[in-house]
C-alpha atoms as a PDB file:
ATOM      1  CA  MET A   1      89.954  76.894 105.556  1.00  0.00           C
ATOM      2  CA  LEU A   2      91.193  80.167 107.076  1.00  0.00           C
ATOM      3  CA  ILE A   3      93.385  80.111 110.136  1.00  0.00           C
ATOM      4  CA  LEU A   4      93.670  83.024 112.525  1.00  0.00           C
ATOM      5  CA  LYS A   5      97.226  82.941 113.710  1.00  0.00           C
ATOM      6  CA  ALA A   6      99.051  85.401 115.914  1.00  0.00           C
ATOM      7  CA  ASP A   7     102.335  86.391 114.354  1.00  0.00           C
ATOM      8  CA  ARG A   8     104.872  89.135 114.905  1.00  0.00           C
ATOM      9  CA  LEU A   9     102.824  91.515 112.748  1.00  0.00           C
ATOM     10  CA  GLY A  10      99.576  90.859 114.621  1.00  0.00           C
ATOM     11  CA  THR A  11      96.651  88.528 114.076  1.00  0.00           C
ATOM     12  CA  THR A  12      96.130  87.803 110.394  1.00  0.00           C
ATOM     13  CA  ALA A  13      93.914  85.424 108.432  1.00  0.00           C
ATOM     14  CA  ARG A  14      96.315  82.903 106.867  1.00  0.00           C
ATOM     15  CA  VAL A  15      95.639  80.220 104.288  1.00  0.00           C
ATOM     16  CA  PRO A  16      97.766  77.061 104.500  1.00  0.00           C
ATOM     17  CA  VAL A  17      99.259  76.313 101.071  1.00  0.00           C
ATOM     18  CA  CYS A  18     102.059  74.303  99.512  1.00  0.00           C
ATOM     19  CA  TYR A  19     103.502  76.164  96.505  1.00  0.00           C
ATOM     20  CA  PRO A  20     107.045  76.062  95.142  1.00  0.00           C
ATOM     21  CA  LEU A  21     108.731  79.422  94.675  1.00  0.00           C
ATOM     22  CA  LEU A  22     111.953  81.090  93.628  1.00  0.00           C
ATOM     23  CA  PHE A  23     113.334  83.984  95.657  1.00  0.00           C
ATOM     24  CA  GLN A  24     116.171  86.346  94.892  1.00  0.00           C
ATOM     25  CA  THR A  25     118.235  88.904  96.772  1.00  0.00           C
ATOM     26  CA  ASP A  26     120.926  91.163  95.370  1.00  0.00           C
ATOM     27  CA  TRP A  27     123.426  88.361  96.031  1.00  0.00           C
ATOM     28  CA  TYR A  28     121.807  85.016  95.188  1.00  0.00           C
ATOM     29  CA  MET A  29     118.774  83.110  93.940  1.00  0.00           C
ATOM     30  CA  ASP A  30     117.279  80.079  95.679  1.00  0.00           C
ATOM     31  CA  GLU A  31     114.077  78.080  95.937  1.00  0.00           C
ATOM     32  CA  GLY A  32     111.669  77.171  98.684  1.00  0.00           C
ATOM     33  CA  GLU A  33     108.047  76.445  99.466  1.00  0.00           C
ATOM     34  CA  VAL A  34     105.250  78.804 100.520  1.00  0.00           C
ATOM     35  CA  LEU A  35     103.689  77.347 103.692  1.00  0.00           C
ATOM     36  CA  ASP A  36     100.939  79.880 104.341  1.00  0.00           C
ATOM     37  CA  LEU A  37      99.654  82.991 102.669  1.00  0.00           C
ATOM     38  CA  SER A  38      97.875  86.129 103.842  1.00  0.00           C
ATOM     39  CA  LEU A  39      97.217  89.578 102.387  1.00  0.00           C
ATOM     40  CA  PRO A  40     100.286  91.195 103.959  1.00  0.00           C
ATOM     41  CA  GLY A  41     102.740  88.330 103.427  1.00  0.00           C
ATOM     42  CA  CYS A  42     103.629  84.666 103.675  1.00  0.00           C
ATOM     43  CA  ALA A  43     105.735  82.077 105.467  1.00  0.00           C
ATOM     44  CA  ILE A  44     108.396  80.181 103.519  1.00  0.00           C
ATOM     45  CA  GLU A  45     110.509  77.107 104.132  1.00  0.00           C
ATOM     46  CA  SER A  46     113.895  76.898 102.409  1.00  0.00           C
ATOM     47  CA  ALA A  47     117.319  75.322 102.795  1.00  0.00           C
ATOM     48  CA  ARG A  48     118.809  78.843 102.808  1.00  0.00           C
ATOM     49  CA  CYS A  49     118.636  80.769 106.056  1.00  0.00           C
ATOM     50  CA  LEU A  50     117.621  84.415 105.605  1.00  0.00           C
ATOM     51  CA  ILE A  51     117.969  87.172 108.161  1.00  0.00           C
ATOM     52  CA  PRO A  52     115.386  89.703 109.357  1.00  0.00           C
ATOM     53  CA  ASP A  53     115.321  93.016 107.434  1.00  0.00           C
ATOM     54  CA  GLU A  54     116.715  91.389 104.269  1.00  0.00           C
ATOM     55  CA  TYR A  55     114.836  92.248 101.045  1.00  0.00           C
ATOM     56  CA  VAL A  56     113.872  89.639  98.434  1.00  0.00           C
ATOM     57  CA  ARG A  57     111.978  89.260  95.158  1.00  0.00           C
ATOM     58  CA  LEU A  58     109.608  86.293  94.715  1.00  0.00           C
ATOM     59  CA  HIS A  59     108.290  84.272  91.813  1.00  0.00           C
ATOM     60  CA  VAL A  60     105.602  81.651  92.472  1.00  0.00           C
ATOM     61  CA  PRO A  61     105.100  79.669  89.228  1.00  0.00           C
ATOM     62  CA  LEU A  62     101.413  78.775  89.587  1.00  0.00           C
ATOM     63  CA  PRO A  63      99.996  76.916  86.556  1.00  0.00           C
ATOM     64  CA  HIS A  64      97.334  79.431  85.484  1.00  0.00           C
ATOM     65  CA  HIS A  65      98.629  82.658  86.981  1.00  0.00           C
ATOM     66  CA  PRO A  66     102.273  83.051  88.082  1.00  0.00           C
ATOM     67  CA  VAL A  67     102.685  85.466  90.987  1.00  0.00           C
ATOM     68  CA  ARG A  68     105.526  87.964  91.319  1.00  0.00           C
ATOM     69  CA  VAL A  69     106.378  90.080  94.343  1.00  0.00           C
ATOM     70  CA  GLU A  70     108.877  92.789  93.440  1.00  0.00           C
ATOM     71  CA  VAL A  71     109.856  93.656  97.026  1.00  0.00           C
ATOM     72  CA  ALA A  72     109.294  91.682 100.219  1.00  0.00           C
ATOM     73  CA  LYS A  73     110.991  92.150 103.590  1.00  0.00           C
ATOM     74  CA  VAL A  74     112.030  89.331 105.900  1.00  0.00           C
ATOM     75  CA  ARG A  75     110.220  90.013 109.195  1.00  0.00           C
ATOM     76  CA  TRP A  76     111.258  86.900 111.148  1.00  0.00           C
ATOM     77  CA  ALA A  77     113.467  83.863 110.638  1.00  0.00           C
ATOM     78  CA  GLU A  78     113.709  80.587 112.565  1.00  0.00           C
ATOM     79  CA  ARG A  79     115.981  77.798 111.315  1.00  0.00           C
ATOM     80  CA  ASN A  80     114.853  77.031 107.770  1.00  0.00           C
ATOM     81  CA  ARG A  81     111.653  79.116 107.863  1.00  0.00           C
ATOM     82  CA  PHE A  82     111.071  82.817 107.474  1.00  0.00           C
ATOM     83  CA  GLY A  83     108.178  85.243 107.235  1.00  0.00           C
ATOM     84  CA  LEU A  84     107.875  87.902 104.549  1.00  0.00           C
ATOM     85  CA  GLU A  85     105.896  91.117 104.354  1.00  0.00           C
ATOM     86  CA  PHE A  86     104.924  92.097 100.808  1.00  0.00           C
ATOM     87  CA  LEU A  87     105.924  95.684 100.097  1.00  0.00           C
ATOM     88  CA  LYS A  88     105.553  95.959  96.293  1.00  0.00           C
ATOM     89  CA  MET A  89     103.708  93.612  93.941  1.00  0.00           C
END
């Protein structure tokens, strides 16, 4: 099921998912869960609070095809959730 959801980047088709992931900045590595996915980015829930304009690397260890995002930018953050824009796969 596709969901059209207005976000800070505009209206984007998003797919609700539930995937574990690892993310890394220049300072630390942590884990979280991908909540929804779209072509330009995703929403993540994590115990670590990130700040807008921070850059991260992602690794989503899917069983048949792990996904890596070399550069993603935090576009919004609210409590333990944040939205990323994929810049380089």
